[in-house]
Amino acid sequence: MTIQNLVDVCKDITLHKLQFKSFYIGNTWDMSAGKADIYPCLWLEMPVLVDYQTINKINKQFTFSLDLIILPKLDDTTDEINMISHMEEYADEFLYYLKQNPDFILMDFPTGLTIKSINADNACGIRLDIKVKTGRVCPPLDLIT
């Protein structure tokens, strides 16, 4: 599996299963959309950590972060909490669908952190930190003899 495979899986879950309006790669502060029609959206943050030194050396691990964000009413803390809670539910669903994918095995326990005023749009939501184990494209050199 490659980072592109990871991106494709995350994009599919986001747009088709969760039915979010948009999917981005990079950092949420890199772009201020200024348009409510892109929310809810998911950002796959860069960089992605690739660990090739797994126990059996047949697999590798990706460690990455996702921002599930939505646009709350301006200057409305009650609505922000409601929207963050809504994104928390979507985070649970995202993890469920990711776990169903046979190419990725969730490692450890994913963690979530609430976020608010994440960009110039004052979006809020949940940041997920995830580690998955996946297969390698080819065996590591020390296994080839």
N, C-alpha and C. Protein backbone atom coordinates (compact mmCIF):
# COMPACT_ATOMS: atom_id res chain seq x y z
N MET A 1 0.84 -1.18 0.00
CA MET A 1 0.00 0.00 0.00
C MET A 1 0.89 1.25 0.00
N THR A 2 0.37 2.28 -0.57
CA THR A 2 1.10 3.54 -0.66
C THR A 2 0.29 4.66 -0.02
N ILE A 3 0.91 5.81 0.11
CA ILE A 3 0.19 6.97 0.63
C ILE A 3 -0.97 7.32 -0.30
N GLN A 4 -0.79 7.14 -1.60
CA GLN A 4 -1.90 7.40 -2.53
C GLN A 4 -3.09 6.48 -2.24
N ASN A 5 -2.82 5.20 -1.90
CA ASN A 5 -3.91 4.30 -1.52
C ASN A 5 -4.62 4.80 -0.28
N LEU A 6 -3.85 5.28 0.69
CA LEU A 6 -4.44 5.83 1.91
C LEU A 6 -5.32 7.03 1.59
N VAL A 7 -4.82 7.93 0.75
CA VAL A 7 -5.60 9.10 0.34
C VAL A 7 -6.89 8.67 -0.34
N ASP A 8 -6.80 7.71 -1.25
CA ASP A 8 -7.98 7.24 -1.98
C ASP A 8 -9.04 6.66 -1.04
N VAL A 9 -8.60 5.87 -0.05
CA VAL A 9 -9.53 5.27 0.90
C VAL A 9 -10.18 6.36 1.75
N CYS A 10 -9.38 7.30 2.25
CA CYS A 10 -9.93 8.38 3.07
C CYS A 10 -10.92 9.24 2.27
N LYS A 11 -10.58 9.50 1.03
CA LYS A 11 -11.46 10.31 0.17
C LYS A 11 -12.77 9.58 -0.09
N ASP A 12 -12.70 8.29 -0.36
CA ASP A 12 -13.91 7.50 -0.60
C ASP A 12 -14.82 7.49 0.63
N ILE A 13 -14.24 7.26 1.79
CA ILE A 13 -15.04 7.26 3.03
C ILE A 13 -15.68 8.62 3.23
N THR A 14 -14.89 9.68 3.03
CA THR A 14 -15.37 11.04 3.27
C THR A 14 -16.52 11.42 2.35
N LEU A 15 -16.32 11.23 1.06
CA LEU A 15 -17.30 11.73 0.09
C LEU A 15 -18.47 10.78 -0.16
N HIS A 16 -18.24 9.47 -0.04
CA HIS A 16 -19.30 8.54 -0.39
C HIS A 16 -20.02 7.95 0.82
N LYS A 17 -19.29 7.61 1.85
CA LYS A 17 -19.93 6.99 3.01
C LYS A 17 -20.43 8.04 4.00
N LEU A 18 -19.59 9.05 4.29
CA LEU A 18 -20.02 10.12 5.20
C LEU A 18 -20.80 11.20 4.48
N GLN A 19 -20.66 11.26 3.17
CA GLN A 19 -21.32 12.23 2.31
C GLN A 19 -20.98 13.67 2.68
N PHE A 20 -19.69 13.88 2.99
CA PHE A 20 -19.21 15.24 3.22
C PHE A 20 -19.20 15.97 1.88
N LYS A 21 -19.12 17.28 1.94
CA LYS A 21 -19.14 18.07 0.70
C LYS A 21 -17.78 18.17 0.04
N SER A 22 -16.69 18.00 0.83
CA SER A 22 -15.37 18.14 0.21
C SER A 22 -14.29 17.41 1.01
N PHE A 23 -13.19 17.15 0.32
CA PHE A 23 -12.03 16.44 0.87
C PHE A 23 -10.78 17.19 0.40
N TYR A 24 -9.87 17.46 1.33
CA TYR A 24 -8.66 18.20 1.00
C TYR A 24 -7.44 17.48 1.55
N ILE A 25 -6.29 17.78 0.97
CA ILE A 25 -5.01 17.26 1.44
C ILE A 25 -4.13 18.48 1.73
N GLY A 26 -3.44 18.44 2.84
CA GLY A 26 -2.57 19.55 3.21
C GLY A 26 -2.85 19.99 4.62
N ASN A 27 -2.88 21.29 4.82
CA ASN A 27 -3.16 21.85 6.13
C ASN A 27 -4.33 22.80 6.05
N THR A 28 -5.17 22.76 7.07
CA THR A 28 -6.38 23.58 7.03
C THR A 28 -6.09 25.06 6.96
N TRP A 29 -4.94 25.50 7.47
CA TRP A 29 -4.64 26.92 7.42
C TRP A 29 -4.07 27.34 6.07
N ASP A 30 -3.78 26.37 5.19
CA ASP A 30 -3.27 26.71 3.86
C ASP A 30 -4.34 27.34 2.98
N MET A 31 -5.58 27.11 3.32
CA MET A 31 -6.64 27.61 2.46
C MET A 31 -7.80 28.08 3.31
N SER A 32 -8.22 29.28 3.07
CA SER A 32 -9.44 29.78 3.68
C SER A 32 -10.48 29.80 2.58
N ALA A 33 -11.40 28.87 2.66
CA ALA A 33 -12.37 28.73 1.58
C ALA A 33 -13.33 29.91 1.52
N GLY A 34 -13.74 30.40 2.69
CA GLY A 34 -14.65 31.54 2.72
C GLY A 34 -16.03 31.22 2.18
N LYS A 35 -16.33 29.94 2.02
CA LYS A 35 -17.63 29.55 1.47
C LYS A 35 -18.23 28.45 2.32
N ALA A 36 -19.42 28.64 2.76
CA ALA A 36 -20.08 27.65 3.60
C ALA A 36 -20.42 26.38 2.83
N ASP A 37 -20.43 26.43 1.50
CA ASP A 37 -20.85 25.27 0.72
C ASP A 37 -19.81 24.15 0.66
N ILE A 38 -18.63 24.33 1.25
CA ILE A 38 -17.64 23.25 1.27
C ILE A 38 -17.74 22.40 2.54
N TYR A 39 -18.50 22.85 3.51
CA TYR A 39 -18.60 22.17 4.80
C TYR A 39 -19.82 21.28 4.87
N PRO A 40 -19.76 20.16 5.58
CA PRO A 40 -18.61 19.62 6.30
C PRO A 40 -17.55 19.11 5.33
N CYS A 41 -16.30 19.20 5.78
CA CYS A 41 -15.19 18.72 4.95
C CYS A 41 -14.17 18.00 5.82
N LEU A 42 -13.30 17.27 5.14
CA LEU A 42 -12.24 16.55 5.83
C LEU A 42 -10.92 16.92 5.20
N TRP A 43 -9.93 17.17 6.05
CA TRP A 43 -8.57 17.46 5.60
C TRP A 43 -7.68 16.31 6.04
N LEU A 44 -6.97 15.73 5.11
CA LEU A 44 -5.91 14.77 5.42
C LEU A 44 -4.64 15.60 5.51
N GLU A 45 -4.12 15.74 6.72
CA GLU A 45 -2.96 16.59 6.93
C GLU A 45 -1.69 15.95 6.38
N MET A 46 -0.79 16.78 5.96
CA MET A 46 0.54 16.35 5.57
C MET A 46 1.51 16.91 6.59
N PRO A 47 2.56 16.24 6.91
CA PRO A 47 3.05 15.01 6.33
C PRO A 47 2.40 13.77 6.93
N VAL A 48 2.59 12.64 6.26
CA VAL A 48 2.21 11.33 6.75
C VAL A 48 3.51 10.63 7.15
N LEU A 49 3.55 10.09 8.37
CA LEU A 49 4.73 9.37 8.83
C LEU A 49 4.63 7.92 8.35
N VAL A 50 5.67 7.44 7.70
CA VAL A 50 5.73 6.06 7.22
C VAL A 50 6.81 5.33 8.02
N ASP A 51 6.42 4.28 8.73
CA ASP A 51 7.35 3.51 9.55
C ASP A 51 7.56 2.15 8.89
N TYR A 52 8.76 1.93 8.37
CA TYR A 52 9.09 0.68 7.69
C TYR A 52 9.64 -0.38 8.65
N GLN A 53 9.88 -0.01 9.88
CA GLN A 53 10.50 -0.92 10.84
C GLN A 53 9.46 -1.61 11.73
N THR A 54 8.46 -2.20 11.13
CA THR A 54 7.47 -2.94 11.91
C THR A 54 8.06 -4.27 12.36
N ILE A 55 7.40 -4.94 13.26
CA ILE A 55 7.92 -6.17 13.88
C ILE A 55 8.28 -7.24 12.85
N ASN A 56 7.39 -7.53 11.94
CA ASN A 56 7.66 -8.61 10.99
C ASN A 56 8.29 -8.13 9.68
N LYS A 57 8.44 -6.85 9.52
CA LYS A 57 9.06 -6.21 8.36
C LYS A 57 8.37 -6.55 7.03
N ILE A 58 7.20 -7.16 7.11
CA ILE A 58 6.40 -7.40 5.92
C ILE A 58 5.38 -6.27 5.77
N ASN A 59 5.12 -5.61 6.86
CA ASN A 59 4.16 -4.51 6.88
C ASN A 59 4.89 -3.19 7.12
N LYS A 60 4.13 -2.12 6.99
CA LYS A 60 4.60 -0.80 7.39
C LYS A 60 3.43 -0.09 8.06
N GLN A 61 3.73 1.00 8.73
CA GLN A 61 2.68 1.75 9.41
C GLN A 61 2.64 3.17 8.88
N PHE A 62 1.41 3.68 8.75
CA PHE A 62 1.19 5.09 8.44
C PHE A 62 0.64 5.74 9.71
N THR A 63 1.20 6.87 10.08
CA THR A 63 0.64 7.69 11.15
C THR A 63 0.26 9.01 10.51
N PHE A 64 -1.00 9.41 10.70
CA PHE A 64 -1.49 10.61 10.02
C PHE A 64 -2.60 11.26 10.84
N SER A 65 -2.93 12.48 10.46
CA SER A 65 -3.99 13.22 11.14
C SER A 65 -5.05 13.66 10.14
N LEU A 66 -6.28 13.66 10.62
CA LEU A 66 -7.42 14.10 9.84
C LEU A 66 -8.14 15.20 10.60
N ASP A 67 -8.61 16.20 9.90
CA ASP A 67 -9.44 17.24 10.51
C ASP A 67 -10.83 17.14 9.89
N LEU A 68 -11.80 16.79 10.72
CA LEU A 68 -13.20 16.76 10.29
C LEU A 68 -13.80 18.07 10.77
N ILE A 69 -14.10 18.96 9.84
CA ILE A 69 -14.51 20.31 10.24
C ILE A 69 -15.82 20.75 9.59
N ILE A 70 -16.44 21.68 10.28
CA ILE A 70 -17.73 22.22 9.86
C ILE A 70 -17.77 23.69 10.25
N LEU A 71 -18.66 24.43 9.66
CA LEU A 71 -18.77 25.86 9.92
C LEU A 71 -19.94 26.12 10.87
N PRO A 72 -19.65 26.59 12.10
CA PRO A 72 -20.73 26.90 13.04
C PRO A 72 -21.24 28.33 12.81
N LYS A 73 -22.30 28.67 13.53
CA LYS A 73 -22.77 30.06 13.50
C LYS A 73 -21.70 30.94 14.13
N LEU A 74 -21.52 32.11 13.60
CA LEU A 74 -20.49 33.02 14.06
C LEU A 74 -20.76 33.49 15.49
N ASP A 75 -19.73 33.44 16.32
CA ASP A 75 -19.80 33.90 17.72
C ASP A 75 -20.92 33.24 18.51
N ASP A 76 -21.10 31.94 18.29
CA ASP A 76 -22.15 31.18 19.00
C ASP A 76 -21.52 29.93 19.59
N THR A 77 -21.07 30.03 20.85
CA THR A 77 -20.38 28.93 21.51
C THR A 77 -21.25 27.68 21.60
N THR A 78 -22.53 27.86 21.86
CA THR A 78 -23.44 26.72 21.94
C THR A 78 -23.48 25.97 20.61
N ASP A 79 -23.54 26.70 19.52
CA ASP A 79 -23.56 26.06 18.20
C ASP A 79 -22.21 25.40 17.91
N GLU A 80 -21.10 26.02 18.32
CA GLU A 80 -19.78 25.41 18.13
C GLU A 80 -19.70 24.06 18.82
N ILE A 81 -20.16 24.00 20.07
CA ILE A 81 -20.14 22.73 20.80
C ILE A 81 -21.03 21.70 20.11
N ASN A 82 -22.18 22.13 19.64
CA ASN A 82 -23.09 21.23 18.92
C ASN A 82 -22.43 20.71 17.64
N MET A 83 -21.77 21.59 16.88
CA MET A 83 -21.12 21.19 15.63
C MET A 83 -19.91 20.28 15.91
N ILE A 84 -19.14 20.59 16.95
CA ILE A 84 -18.01 19.73 17.32
C ILE A 84 -18.51 18.34 17.68
N SER A 85 -19.61 18.27 18.43
CA SER A 85 -20.20 16.98 18.79
C SER A 85 -20.66 16.23 17.55
N HIS A 86 -21.21 16.96 16.60
CA HIS A 86 -21.64 16.35 15.34
C HIS A 86 -20.44 15.76 14.59
N MET A 87 -19.34 16.48 14.55
CA MET A 87 -18.13 15.99 13.89
C MET A 87 -17.54 14.80 14.66
N GLU A 88 -17.72 14.79 15.97
CA GLU A 88 -17.27 13.64 16.77
C GLU A 88 -18.01 12.37 16.35
N GLU A 89 -19.29 12.49 16.07
CA GLU A 89 -20.07 11.34 15.59
C GLU A 89 -19.54 10.87 14.23
N TYR A 90 -19.23 11.83 13.36
CA TYR A 90 -18.66 11.47 12.05
C TYR A 90 -17.29 10.82 12.20
N ALA A 91 -16.51 11.26 13.18
CA ALA A 91 -15.20 10.64 13.43
C ALA A 91 -15.38 9.17 13.79
N ASP A 92 -16.38 8.87 14.63
CA ASP A 92 -16.68 7.48 14.96
C ASP A 92 -17.01 6.68 13.71
N GLU A 93 -17.84 7.25 12.85
CA GLU A 93 -18.21 6.57 11.61
C GLU A 93 -17.00 6.38 10.70
N PHE A 94 -16.17 7.42 10.58
CA PHE A 94 -14.98 7.31 9.74
C PHE A 94 -14.12 6.15 10.20
N LEU A 95 -13.87 6.06 11.50
CA LEU A 95 -13.04 4.98 12.04
C LEU A 95 -13.67 3.62 11.80
N TYR A 96 -14.99 3.54 11.89
CA TYR A 96 -15.69 2.29 11.60
C TYR A 96 -15.43 1.85 10.16
N TYR A 97 -15.60 2.76 9.22
CA TYR A 97 -15.39 2.42 7.81
C TYR A 97 -13.93 2.10 7.51
N LEU A 98 -13.02 2.83 8.12
CA LEU A 98 -11.60 2.54 7.92
C LEU A 98 -11.26 1.14 8.43
N LYS A 99 -11.85 0.78 9.56
CA LYS A 99 -11.59 -0.55 10.13
C LYS A 99 -12.15 -1.66 9.23
N GLN A 100 -13.19 -1.37 8.47
CA GLN A 100 -13.79 -2.37 7.58
C GLN A 100 -12.92 -2.64 6.35
N ASN A 101 -11.98 -1.73 6.06
CA ASN A 101 -11.12 -1.90 4.90
C ASN A 101 -10.04 -2.94 5.22
N PRO A 102 -9.99 -4.04 4.47
CA PRO A 102 -9.03 -5.12 4.78
C PRO A 102 -7.57 -4.74 4.55
N ASP A 103 -7.31 -3.64 3.86
CA ASP A 103 -5.94 -3.23 3.58
C ASP A 103 -5.29 -2.46 4.73
N PHE A 104 -6.11 -2.04 5.71
CA PHE A 104 -5.60 -1.24 6.81
C PHE A 104 -6.05 -1.82 8.14
N ILE A 105 -5.12 -1.97 9.06
CA ILE A 105 -5.42 -2.44 10.41
C ILE A 105 -5.15 -1.29 11.36
N LEU A 106 -6.17 -0.88 12.11
CA LEU A 106 -5.97 0.20 13.09
C LEU A 106 -5.01 -0.26 14.17
N MET A 107 -4.04 0.56 14.46
CA MET A 107 -3.06 0.27 15.50
C MET A 107 -3.30 1.22 16.67
N ASP A 108 -3.00 0.74 17.88
CA ASP A 108 -3.21 1.57 19.06
C ASP A 108 -4.67 2.04 19.09
N PHE A 109 -4.92 3.09 19.79
CA PHE A 109 -6.24 3.69 19.82
C PHE A 109 -6.15 5.06 19.19
N PRO A 110 -6.94 5.34 18.16
CA PRO A 110 -6.93 6.69 17.60
C PRO A 110 -7.34 7.70 18.68
N THR A 111 -6.80 8.88 18.59
CA THR A 111 -7.16 9.93 19.54
C THR A 111 -7.79 11.09 18.79
N GLY A 112 -8.66 11.79 19.48
CA GLY A 112 -9.32 12.95 18.90
C GLY A 112 -9.11 14.18 19.76
N LEU A 113 -9.02 15.32 19.13
CA LEU A 113 -8.85 16.58 19.82
C LEU A 113 -9.84 17.57 19.23
N THR A 114 -10.62 18.23 20.09
CA THR A 114 -11.55 19.22 19.57
C THR A 114 -10.77 20.43 19.07
N ILE A 115 -11.27 21.00 17.98
CA ILE A 115 -10.63 22.18 17.41
C ILE A 115 -11.69 23.24 17.12
N LYS A 116 -11.32 24.50 17.31
CA LYS A 116 -12.24 25.58 16.98
C LYS A 116 -11.45 26.74 16.40
N SER A 117 -12.09 27.51 15.59
CA SER A 117 -11.45 28.62 14.88
C SER A 117 -10.20 28.13 14.16
N ILE A 118 -10.36 27.02 13.44
CA ILE A 118 -9.24 26.35 12.80
C ILE A 118 -8.69 27.11 11.59
N ASN A 119 -9.51 27.90 10.95
CA ASN A 119 -9.04 28.66 9.79
C ASN A 119 -9.75 30.01 9.77
N ALA A 120 -9.53 30.76 8.73
CA ALA A 120 -10.14 32.09 8.64
C ALA A 120 -11.66 32.02 8.56
N ASP A 121 -12.19 30.85 8.26
CA ASP A 121 -13.65 30.67 8.24
C ASP A 121 -14.20 30.42 9.64
N ASN A 122 -13.31 30.31 10.65
CA ASN A 122 -13.71 29.98 12.02
C ASN A 122 -14.40 28.63 12.12
N ALA A 123 -13.92 27.67 11.33
CA ALA A 123 -14.47 26.32 11.35
C ALA A 123 -14.09 25.62 12.65
N CYS A 124 -14.82 24.57 12.98
CA CYS A 124 -14.54 23.80 14.19
C CYS A 124 -14.75 22.32 13.88
N GLY A 125 -14.34 21.47 14.81
CA GLY A 125 -14.54 20.04 14.59
C GLY A 125 -13.64 19.19 15.46
N ILE A 126 -13.18 18.10 14.87
CA ILE A 126 -12.35 17.11 15.57
C ILE A 126 -11.11 16.81 14.72
N ARG A 127 -9.97 16.77 15.39
CA ARG A 127 -8.75 16.31 14.74
C ARG A 127 -8.50 14.89 15.23
N LEU A 128 -8.38 13.94 14.29
CA LEU A 128 -8.08 12.56 14.62
C LEU A 128 -6.62 12.27 14.32
N ASP A 129 -5.95 11.62 15.25
CA ASP A 129 -4.59 11.12 15.02
C ASP A 129 -4.69 9.61 14.95
N ILE A 130 -4.27 9.05 13.82
CA ILE A 130 -4.51 7.64 13.52
C ILE A 130 -3.21 6.96 13.11
N LYS A 131 -3.08 5.69 13.51
CA LYS A 131 -1.96 4.86 13.06
C LYS A 131 -2.57 3.58 12.50
N VAL A 132 -2.18 3.24 11.26
CA VAL A 132 -2.65 2.01 10.63
C VAL A 132 -1.47 1.19 10.16
N LYS A 133 -1.65 -0.12 10.18
CA LYS A 133 -0.67 -1.04 9.61
C LYS A 133 -1.20 -1.47 8.25
N THR A 134 -0.30 -1.59 7.30
CA THR A 134 -0.70 -1.98 5.95
C THR A 134 0.42 -2.81 5.32
N GLY A 135 0.12 -3.43 4.21
CA GLY A 135 1.13 -4.22 3.51
C GLY A 135 2.12 -3.35 2.77
N ARG A 136 3.25 -3.93 2.47
CA ARG A 136 4.28 -3.23 1.71
C ARG A 136 4.13 -3.56 0.24
N VAL A 137 4.64 -2.68 -0.59
CA VAL A 137 4.60 -2.90 -2.04
C VAL A 137 5.51 -4.06 -2.40
N CYS A 138 6.68 -4.14 -1.78
CA CYS A 138 7.60 -5.25 -2.01
C CYS A 138 8.27 -5.58 -0.68
N PRO A 139 8.87 -6.76 -0.57
CA PRO A 139 9.51 -7.13 0.71
C PRO A 139 10.72 -6.25 0.98
N PRO A 140 11.05 -6.03 2.24
CA PRO A 140 12.25 -5.25 2.55
C PRO A 140 13.50 -5.98 2.10
N LEU A 141 14.56 -5.24 1.86
CA LEU A 141 15.79 -5.81 1.31
C LEU A 141 16.37 -6.94 2.15
N ASP A 142 16.24 -6.86 3.49
CA ASP A 142 16.84 -7.91 4.33
C ASP A 142 16.08 -9.22 4.27
N LEU A 143 14.90 -9.24 3.63
CA LEU A 143 14.16 -10.49 3.47
C LEU A 143 14.42 -11.12 2.10
N ILE A 144 15.05 -10.38 1.21
CA ILE A 144 15.33 -10.89 -0.13
C ILE A 144 16.68 -11.59 -0.12
N THR A 145 16.67 -12.86 -0.41
CA THR A 145 17.95 -13.61 -0.46
C THR A 145 17.94 -14.59 -1.59
